[in-house]
Structures are given as C-alpha cells and as structure tokens.
C-alpha cells in the first residue's frame, strides 16, 4: 500500500479504499509453523508480545495469533507483580 501511495502521491487510506471498492481483499501472509511455534515458545518464556514481535520481525498481533493457535493464553496487560516472601 505504501509503495502505491508514494507512486501515485495519494494517502495509503485512499489506496486501501480504492482496492476495497474494486473488490480486492487485503490479506496478510500467514506465519509458518516454525515461526508460530517459536513465537509461542518465546512468549511462554516470559517475553512480552512486543518483545517477541521485535525479535521475530512480525507484528504483536501476529504474535498474539501465533500464541493462541499453539494453544497458549495471553497474559493480562500491565506490570507483573513480584511475589516477595
């Protein structure tokens, strides 16, 4: 989208809107099995969605989808409480 927007000097949303009106469906490529498994493993090890995304070069939404597809659950947002005892 960005490349087309730059080439025709229009906003990205204009390109998206025109594509939508023409019946084109935007679809992100699916992550491979190895990437999904690695994303789930890294998230399970304690990294945040954003940290995993940065490490693997994918979006945090992609990480979320990968974790869920591998049977994992997403932790609540916010800081984790440390148990002192």
N, C-alpha and C. Protein backbone atom coordinates (compact mmCIF):
# COMPACT_ATOMS: atom_id res chain seq x y z
N UNK A 1 0.81 -1.19 0.00
CA UNK A 1 0.00 0.00 0.00
C UNK A 1 0.86 1.26 0.00
N UNK A 2 1.88 1.26 0.85
CA UNK A 2 2.72 2.46 0.95
C UNK A 2 3.42 2.77 -0.36
N UNK A 3 3.87 1.71 -1.04
CA UNK A 3 4.57 1.91 -2.32
C UNK A 3 3.63 2.52 -3.36
N UNK A 4 2.41 2.02 -3.43
CA UNK A 4 1.43 2.58 -4.38
C UNK A 4 1.08 4.01 -4.01
N UNK A 5 0.88 4.27 -2.73
CA UNK A 5 0.54 5.62 -2.28
C UNK A 5 1.64 6.60 -2.67
N UNK A 6 2.88 6.22 -2.47
CA UNK A 6 4.00 7.09 -2.83
C UNK A 6 4.06 7.31 -4.34
N UNK A 7 3.89 6.22 -5.06
CA UNK A 7 4.00 6.30 -6.53
C UNK A 7 2.95 7.22 -7.12
N UNK A 8 1.72 7.15 -6.61
CA UNK A 8 0.64 7.95 -7.16
C UNK A 8 0.33 9.20 -6.34
N UNK A 9 1.16 9.44 -5.34
CA UNK A 9 1.06 10.62 -4.49
C UNK A 9 -0.33 10.80 -3.88
N UNK A 10 -0.79 9.71 -3.27
CA UNK A 10 -2.05 9.73 -2.53
C UNK A 10 -1.80 9.11 -1.17
N UNK A 11 -2.74 9.26 -0.28
CA UNK A 11 -2.61 8.69 1.05
C UNK A 11 -2.85 7.18 1.00
N UNK A 12 -2.22 6.45 1.92
CA UNK A 12 -2.39 4.99 1.98
C UNK A 12 -3.85 4.59 2.12
N UNK A 13 -4.61 5.36 2.89
CA UNK A 13 -6.02 5.02 3.07
C UNK A 13 -6.80 5.15 1.76
N UNK A 14 -6.36 6.06 0.90
CA UNK A 14 -7.00 6.21 -0.41
C UNK A 14 -6.77 4.96 -1.25
N UNK A 15 -5.55 4.44 -1.22
CA UNK A 15 -5.23 3.21 -1.95
C UNK A 15 -6.06 2.06 -1.40
N UNK A 16 -6.14 1.95 -0.09
CA UNK A 16 -6.91 0.88 0.53
C UNK A 16 -8.38 0.98 0.13
N UNK A 17 -8.93 2.20 0.19
CA UNK A 17 -10.34 2.41 -0.14
C UNK A 17 -10.62 2.03 -1.60
N UNK A 18 -9.74 2.43 -2.50
CA UNK A 18 -9.92 2.10 -3.91
C UNK A 18 -9.83 0.59 -4.14
N UNK A 19 -8.91 -0.07 -3.46
CA UNK A 19 -8.78 -1.52 -3.59
C UNK A 19 -10.02 -2.21 -3.06
N UNK A 20 -10.53 -1.74 -1.94
CA UNK A 20 -11.73 -2.30 -1.34
C UNK A 20 -12.92 -2.16 -2.28
N UNK A 21 -13.07 -0.95 -2.86
CA UNK A 21 -14.17 -0.70 -3.79
C UNK A 21 -14.06 -1.56 -5.04
N UNK A 22 -12.85 -1.92 -5.42
CA UNK A 22 -12.64 -2.76 -6.59
C UNK A 22 -12.83 -4.24 -6.27
N UNK A 23 -13.11 -4.54 -5.00
CA UNK A 23 -13.36 -5.92 -4.61
C UNK A 23 -12.13 -6.70 -4.20
N UNK A 24 -11.01 -6.02 -4.04
CA UNK A 24 -9.79 -6.69 -3.60
C UNK A 24 -9.82 -6.84 -2.09
N UNK A 25 -9.33 -7.95 -1.62
CA UNK A 25 -9.32 -8.22 -0.18
C UNK A 25 -7.87 -8.20 0.28
N UNK A 26 -7.60 -7.36 1.27
CA UNK A 26 -6.26 -7.31 1.84
C UNK A 26 -6.09 -8.50 2.76
N UNK A 27 -5.00 -9.20 2.61
CA UNK A 27 -4.74 -10.37 3.43
C UNK A 27 -3.26 -10.43 3.77
N UNK A 28 -3.00 -10.56 5.03
CA UNK A 28 -1.61 -10.70 5.46
C UNK A 28 -1.17 -12.14 5.24
N UNK A 29 0.08 -12.33 4.87
CA UNK A 29 0.55 -13.71 4.70
C UNK A 29 0.55 -14.43 6.04
N UNK A 30 0.22 -15.70 6.01
CA UNK A 30 0.20 -16.48 7.25
C UNK A 30 1.62 -16.80 7.69
N UNK A 31 1.79 -16.92 8.99
CA UNK A 31 3.09 -17.29 9.54
C UNK A 31 3.28 -18.79 9.37
N UNK A 32 4.50 -19.19 9.12
CA UNK A 32 4.80 -20.62 9.02
C UNK A 32 4.72 -21.30 10.37
N UNK A 33 4.64 -22.61 10.34
CA UNK A 33 4.53 -23.39 11.59
C UNK A 33 5.71 -23.14 12.52
N UNK A 34 6.92 -23.06 11.95
CA UNK A 34 8.11 -22.85 12.78
C UNK A 34 8.08 -21.49 13.46
N UNK A 35 7.64 -20.46 12.75
CA UNK A 35 7.57 -19.11 13.33
C UNK A 35 6.51 -19.07 14.42
N UNK A 36 5.36 -19.70 14.16
CA UNK A 36 4.31 -19.73 15.19
C UNK A 36 4.79 -20.43 16.45
N UNK A 37 5.46 -21.56 16.28
CA UNK A 37 5.97 -22.30 17.43
C UNK A 37 7.02 -21.50 18.19
N UNK A 38 7.90 -20.83 17.47
CA UNK A 38 8.94 -20.02 18.11
C UNK A 38 8.33 -18.84 18.85
N UNK A 39 7.34 -18.19 18.25
CA UNK A 39 6.67 -17.07 18.90
C UNK A 39 6.01 -17.53 20.20
N UNK A 40 5.33 -18.66 20.15
CA UNK A 40 4.68 -19.19 21.36
C UNK A 40 5.72 -19.54 22.42
N UNK A 41 6.83 -20.15 22.01
CA UNK A 41 7.88 -20.53 22.96
C UNK A 41 8.47 -19.30 23.63
N UNK A 42 8.77 -18.26 22.84
CA UNK A 42 9.36 -17.04 23.40
C UNK A 42 8.39 -16.34 24.35
N UNK A 43 7.12 -16.30 23.98
CA UNK A 43 6.12 -15.66 24.83
C UNK A 43 5.96 -16.44 26.13
N UNK A 44 5.91 -17.76 26.02
CA UNK A 44 5.81 -18.61 27.20
C UNK A 44 7.01 -18.44 28.12
N UNK A 45 8.18 -18.11 27.54
CA UNK A 45 9.39 -17.94 28.35
C UNK A 45 9.37 -16.64 29.15
N UNK A 46 8.37 -15.78 28.91
CA UNK A 46 8.24 -14.57 29.70
C UNK A 46 8.37 -13.27 28.93
N UNK A 47 8.75 -13.34 27.65
CA UNK A 47 8.84 -12.10 26.87
C UNK A 47 7.43 -11.57 26.61
N UNK A 48 7.33 -10.25 26.39
CA UNK A 48 6.04 -9.66 26.07
C UNK A 48 5.73 -9.87 24.60
N UNK A 49 4.49 -9.60 24.22
CA UNK A 49 4.10 -9.70 22.81
C UNK A 49 4.98 -8.80 21.95
N UNK A 50 5.22 -7.59 22.42
CA UNK A 50 6.04 -6.63 21.67
C UNK A 50 7.48 -7.12 21.55
N UNK A 51 8.03 -7.65 22.62
CA UNK A 51 9.41 -8.15 22.58
C UNK A 51 9.55 -9.31 21.61
N UNK A 52 8.58 -10.23 21.62
CA UNK A 52 8.62 -11.35 20.70
C UNK A 52 8.50 -10.84 19.26
N UNK A 53 7.58 -9.90 19.05
CA UNK A 53 7.38 -9.34 17.71
C UNK A 53 8.66 -8.70 17.18
N UNK A 54 9.33 -7.93 18.01
CA UNK A 54 10.58 -7.29 17.59
C UNK A 54 11.65 -8.32 17.27
N UNK A 55 11.74 -9.35 18.08
CA UNK A 55 12.75 -10.38 17.88
C UNK A 55 12.52 -11.15 16.58
N UNK A 56 11.25 -11.42 16.26
CA UNK A 56 10.93 -12.22 15.07
C UNK A 56 10.62 -11.38 13.83
N UNK A 57 10.50 -10.06 14.01
CA UNK A 57 10.21 -9.20 12.87
C UNK A 57 8.78 -9.33 12.36
N UNK A 58 7.84 -9.56 13.29
CA UNK A 58 6.43 -9.65 12.93
C UNK A 58 5.65 -8.70 13.83
N UNK A 59 4.36 -8.54 13.59
CA UNK A 59 3.55 -7.64 14.41
C UNK A 59 3.19 -8.31 15.74
N UNK A 60 2.85 -7.48 16.72
CA UNK A 60 2.42 -8.04 18.00
C UNK A 60 1.10 -8.79 17.86
N UNK A 61 0.26 -8.36 16.91
CA UNK A 61 -0.97 -9.10 16.64
C UNK A 61 -0.65 -10.48 16.03
N UNK A 62 0.40 -10.53 15.23
CA UNK A 62 0.84 -11.81 14.68
C UNK A 62 1.31 -12.74 15.77
N UNK A 63 2.01 -12.19 16.76
CA UNK A 63 2.47 -12.99 17.90
C UNK A 63 1.27 -13.50 18.69
N UNK A 64 0.31 -12.60 18.94
CA UNK A 64 -0.90 -12.99 19.68
C UNK A 64 -1.60 -14.16 18.98
N UNK A 65 -1.78 -14.04 17.67
CA UNK A 65 -2.45 -15.09 16.90
C UNK A 65 -1.64 -16.39 16.95
N UNK A 66 -0.31 -16.27 16.89
CA UNK A 66 0.54 -17.46 16.93
C UNK A 66 0.43 -18.17 18.27
N UNK A 67 0.46 -17.41 19.35
CA UNK A 67 0.37 -18.00 20.69
C UNK A 67 -0.95 -18.74 20.86
N UNK A 68 -2.03 -18.10 20.46
CA UNK A 68 -3.36 -18.71 20.60
C UNK A 68 -3.47 -19.95 19.71
N UNK A 69 -2.92 -19.87 18.49
CA UNK A 69 -3.00 -21.02 17.58
C UNK A 69 -2.22 -22.22 18.09
N UNK A 70 -1.24 -21.97 18.96
CA UNK A 70 -0.44 -23.04 19.53
C UNK A 70 -1.00 -23.52 20.87
N UNK A 71 -2.18 -23.02 21.23
CA UNK A 71 -2.83 -23.46 22.46
C UNK A 71 -2.48 -22.64 23.69
N UNK A 72 -1.73 -21.56 23.52
CA UNK A 72 -1.35 -20.72 24.65
C UNK A 72 -2.42 -19.71 24.99
N UNK A 73 -2.22 -19.04 26.10
CA UNK A 73 -3.13 -17.97 26.51
C UNK A 73 -2.35 -16.69 26.67
N UNK A 74 -3.02 -15.58 26.47
CA UNK A 74 -2.39 -14.27 26.55
C UNK A 74 -2.50 -13.78 27.99
N UNK A 75 -1.38 -13.32 28.52
CA UNK A 75 -1.36 -12.78 29.88
C UNK A 75 -2.09 -11.44 29.92
N UNK A 76 -2.63 -11.08 31.09
CA UNK A 76 -3.26 -9.77 31.24
C UNK A 76 -2.23 -8.66 31.01
N UNK A 77 -2.69 -7.52 30.54
CA UNK A 77 -1.80 -6.38 30.32
C UNK A 77 -1.34 -5.80 31.65
N UNK A 78 -0.27 -5.05 31.60
CA UNK A 78 0.21 -4.38 32.80
C UNK A 78 1.42 -5.06 33.38
N UNK A 79 1.95 -4.45 34.40
CA UNK A 79 3.15 -4.98 35.05
C UNK A 79 2.82 -6.22 35.85
N UNK A 80 3.74 -7.15 35.83
CA UNK A 80 3.58 -8.36 36.63
C UNK A 80 3.97 -8.07 38.08
N UNK A 81 3.22 -8.61 38.98
CA UNK A 81 3.53 -8.42 40.40
C UNK A 81 4.59 -9.43 40.81
N UNK A 82 5.55 -8.97 41.55
CA UNK A 82 6.59 -9.85 42.07
C UNK A 82 6.15 -10.35 43.43
N UNK A 83 6.27 -11.63 43.62
CA UNK A 83 5.92 -12.22 44.90
C UNK A 83 7.15 -12.20 45.79
N UNK A 84 7.06 -11.51 46.90
CA UNK A 84 8.17 -11.42 47.84
C UNK A 84 7.77 -12.22 49.07
N UNK A 85 8.66 -13.08 49.47
CA UNK A 85 8.24 -13.88 50.61
C UNK A 85 9.31 -14.53 51.29
